[in-house]
Protein backbone atom coordinates (compact mmCIF):
# COMPACT_ATOMS: atom_id res chain seq x y z
CA MET A 1 -0.46 -0.37 0.17
CA ARG A 2 1.10 3.62 -0.29
CA CYS A 3 0.25 6.18 2.59
CA PRO A 4 -1.87 8.78 0.76
CA MET A 5 0.11 11.21 3.38
CA CYS A 6 3.55 10.31 3.59
CA GLY A 7 3.92 8.78 0.16
CA LEU A 8 5.24 5.26 1.85
CA GLU A 9 4.45 3.00 0.67
CA TYR A 10 4.11 -0.61 3.32
CA ASP A 11 3.50 -3.69 3.48
CA LEU A 12 0.03 -4.41 5.61
CA LYS A 13 1.29 -6.88 8.13
CA LYS A 14 3.63 -3.70 9.19
CA ALA A 15 -0.28 -1.14 8.86
CA GLU A 16 -1.75 -4.20 11.47
CA ALA A 17 1.01 -3.85 13.83
CA ALA A 18 0.25 0.12 13.70
CA CYS A 19 -3.16 -0.15 14.16
CA GLU A 20 -2.57 -2.83 17.28
CA ALA A 21 -0.37 -0.88 19.01
CA ALA A 22 -2.35 2.30 19.22
CA CYS A 23 -5.93 1.33 19.09
CA PRO A 24 -8.11 -1.41 21.11
CA LEU A 25 -10.37 -1.74 18.16
CA TRP A 26 -7.58 -1.98 15.18
CA LYS A 27 -9.75 -6.32 14.29
CA LYS A 28 -13.42 -4.35 14.04
CA CYS A 29 -12.84 -1.25 11.36
CA ASP A 30 -12.04 -0.97 7.93
CA LEU A 31 -8.79 1.30 8.57
CA VAL A 32 -5.56 0.72 7.97
CA ARG A 33 -2.52 3.68 9.86
CA CYS A 34 0.41 3.89 7.90
CA PRO A 35 3.58 3.02 9.91
CA ASN A 36 5.62 5.93 8.94
CA CYS A 37 3.12 9.21 9.39
CA PHE A 38 0.15 7.70 11.73
CA TYR A 39 -2.01 8.69 8.39
CA GLU A 40 -5.56 6.66 8.51
CA THR A 41 -7.37 5.44 4.78
CA VAL A 42 -9.90 3.09 5.01
CA LEU A 43 -8.73 -0.27 3.43
CA GLU A 44 -9.97 -0.94 -0.14
CA PRO A 45 -12.30 -4.37 -0.14
CA ALA A 46 -10.64 -7.52 -2.19
CA TRP A 47 -13.11 -7.74 -4.36
CA PHE A 48 -12.32 -3.91 -4.97
CA ARG A 49 -7.96 -4.85 -5.42
CA ARG A 50 -8.79 -8.25 -7.30
CA LEU A 51 -11.57 -5.95 -9.86
CA PHE A 52 -8.91 -3.24 -10.69
CA ALA A 53 -5.24 -5.11 -10.79
CA PRO A 54 -3.27 -5.56 -13.48
CA PRO A 55 -3.27 -8.52 -15.33
CA CYS A 56 -0.36 -11.10 -14.37
CA SER A 57 0.71 -14.47 -15.84
CA LEU A 58 -0.93 -17.54 -15.59
CA ALA A 59 2.11 -18.60 -13.88
CA ASP A 60 2.48 -16.16 -11.39
CA LEU A 61 -1.73 -16.94 -10.19
CA PRO A 62 -1.83 -18.99 -6.57
CA PRO A 63 -3.48 -22.37 -7.22
CA GLY A 64 -6.53 -22.76 -6.71
CA ARG A 65 -8.21 -19.59 -7.76
CA GLN A 66 -10.48 -18.70 -11.22
CA ALA A 67 -9.03 -16.14 -13.77
CA GLN A 68 -9.81 -14.73 -16.99
CA VAL A 69 -7.55 -14.75 -19.50
CA SER A 70 -6.72 -10.67 -20.57
CA ARG A 71 -5.10 -11.67 -23.01
CA ILE A 72 -2.49 -13.27 -25.15
CA GLU A 73 1.62 -12.58 -26.20
CA THR A 74 1.91 -13.43 -29.62
CA ASP A 75 5.00 -12.76 -31.03
CA ASP A 76 6.36 -16.57 -30.76
CA ARG A 77 3.78 -18.37 -33.95
CA ASP A 78 4.65 -21.94 -32.33
CA ALA A 79 3.23 -20.57 -28.60
CA LEU A 80 0.57 -19.06 -29.94
CA ARG A 81 -0.93 -22.51 -31.85
CA LYS A 82 -0.14 -24.16 -28.63
CA ILE A 83 -2.06 -21.73 -26.55
CA ILE A 84 -5.08 -21.83 -29.37
CA ALA A 85 -4.86 -25.35 -29.45
CA MET A 86 -5.75 -25.63 -25.75
CA GLY A 87 -8.94 -23.45 -25.66
CA VAL A 88 -7.13 -20.53 -24.49
CA LEU A 89 -8.98 -17.20 -25.89
CA PRO A 90 -9.02 -13.87 -24.64
CA GLU A 91 -12.33 -14.00 -21.84
CA THR A 92 -11.81 -17.50 -21.41
CA LYS A 93 -12.10 -18.39 -17.21
CA ILE A 94 -9.52 -20.42 -16.27
CA LEU A 95 -8.83 -22.44 -12.99
CA LEU A 96 -5.21 -22.60 -12.11
CA VAL A 97 -5.35 -25.94 -10.16
CA GLN A 98 -1.11 -26.86 -9.66
CA LYS A 99 1.93 -24.89 -10.35
CA PHE A 100 4.56 -27.35 -9.55
CA PRO A 101 5.90 -30.18 -11.06
CA GLY A 102 4.03 -28.49 -13.86
CA ILE A 103 1.55 -25.70 -14.44
CA VAL A 104 -1.64 -27.54 -14.80
CA PHE A 105 -5.38 -25.83 -15.34
CA GLU A 106 -8.50 -25.62 -16.42
CA ILE A 107 -10.80 -24.70 -19.27
CA GLY A 108 -14.26 -26.28 -18.01
CA SER A 109 -13.81 -29.39 -17.65
CA ALA A 110 -10.70 -29.70 -19.97
CA ARG A 111 -7.69 -30.16 -18.23
CA PHE A 112 -4.06 -28.84 -19.30
CA SER A 113 -0.34 -28.97 -18.14
CA VAL A 114 2.23 -26.32 -19.63
CA ASP A 115 5.86 -25.18 -18.83
CA GLU A 116 6.29 -22.09 -17.77
CA GLU A 117 7.58 -20.04 -20.42
CA LEU A 118 4.27 -20.94 -22.06
CA ALA A 119 2.11 -20.14 -19.23
CA ARG A 120 3.61 -16.75 -19.18
CA ARG A 121 2.35 -15.99 -22.04
CA ILE A 122 -0.97 -15.89 -20.84
CA HIS A 123 -1.93 -12.82 -19.04
CA VAL A 124 -5.02 -13.31 -16.47
CA ARG A 125 -7.42 -11.07 -14.67
CA GLU A 126 -8.59 -12.76 -11.07
CA ASN A 127 -12.05 -12.72 -10.97
CA PRO A 128 -13.55 -10.77 -7.73
C-alpha cells in the first residue's frame, strides 16, 4: 500500500501492527494506519483490489484461483498455436489447479499442463 499523506509504500502487516499498538478496536474497523506518519485511510475491499488489479501471467496466479484470460503474447507463433489449440482465448475462464511440478489449469472440464515459459505468455485477471 502507499500512504496518501507521506507517500511511503508499506506492507499491510506493518499497517496492522501500527493499528494494533494504537487502538483496541484494530480488528473491527476498515481503517489502515501508516507506520510512518500514522495517517489512517480506508482499506479497499478485496473484490475491489482484484477488479482493478493489473493483469498477471498464469504462472503468477496462486493455485486454486479462478481467472479470466485478458490477453495472450503473440510474438512466438508456435507458442501461440499451442495456446489456441488448448482453447485459451481472451475472455476464457481458467482455474489454476497446481504450479508444481508443472503448471496445470482447467478450462471447463478439460485439464492442461504447460511449462512456465508458455504460462508466462497467458495473461489473466482474477475474477472478483
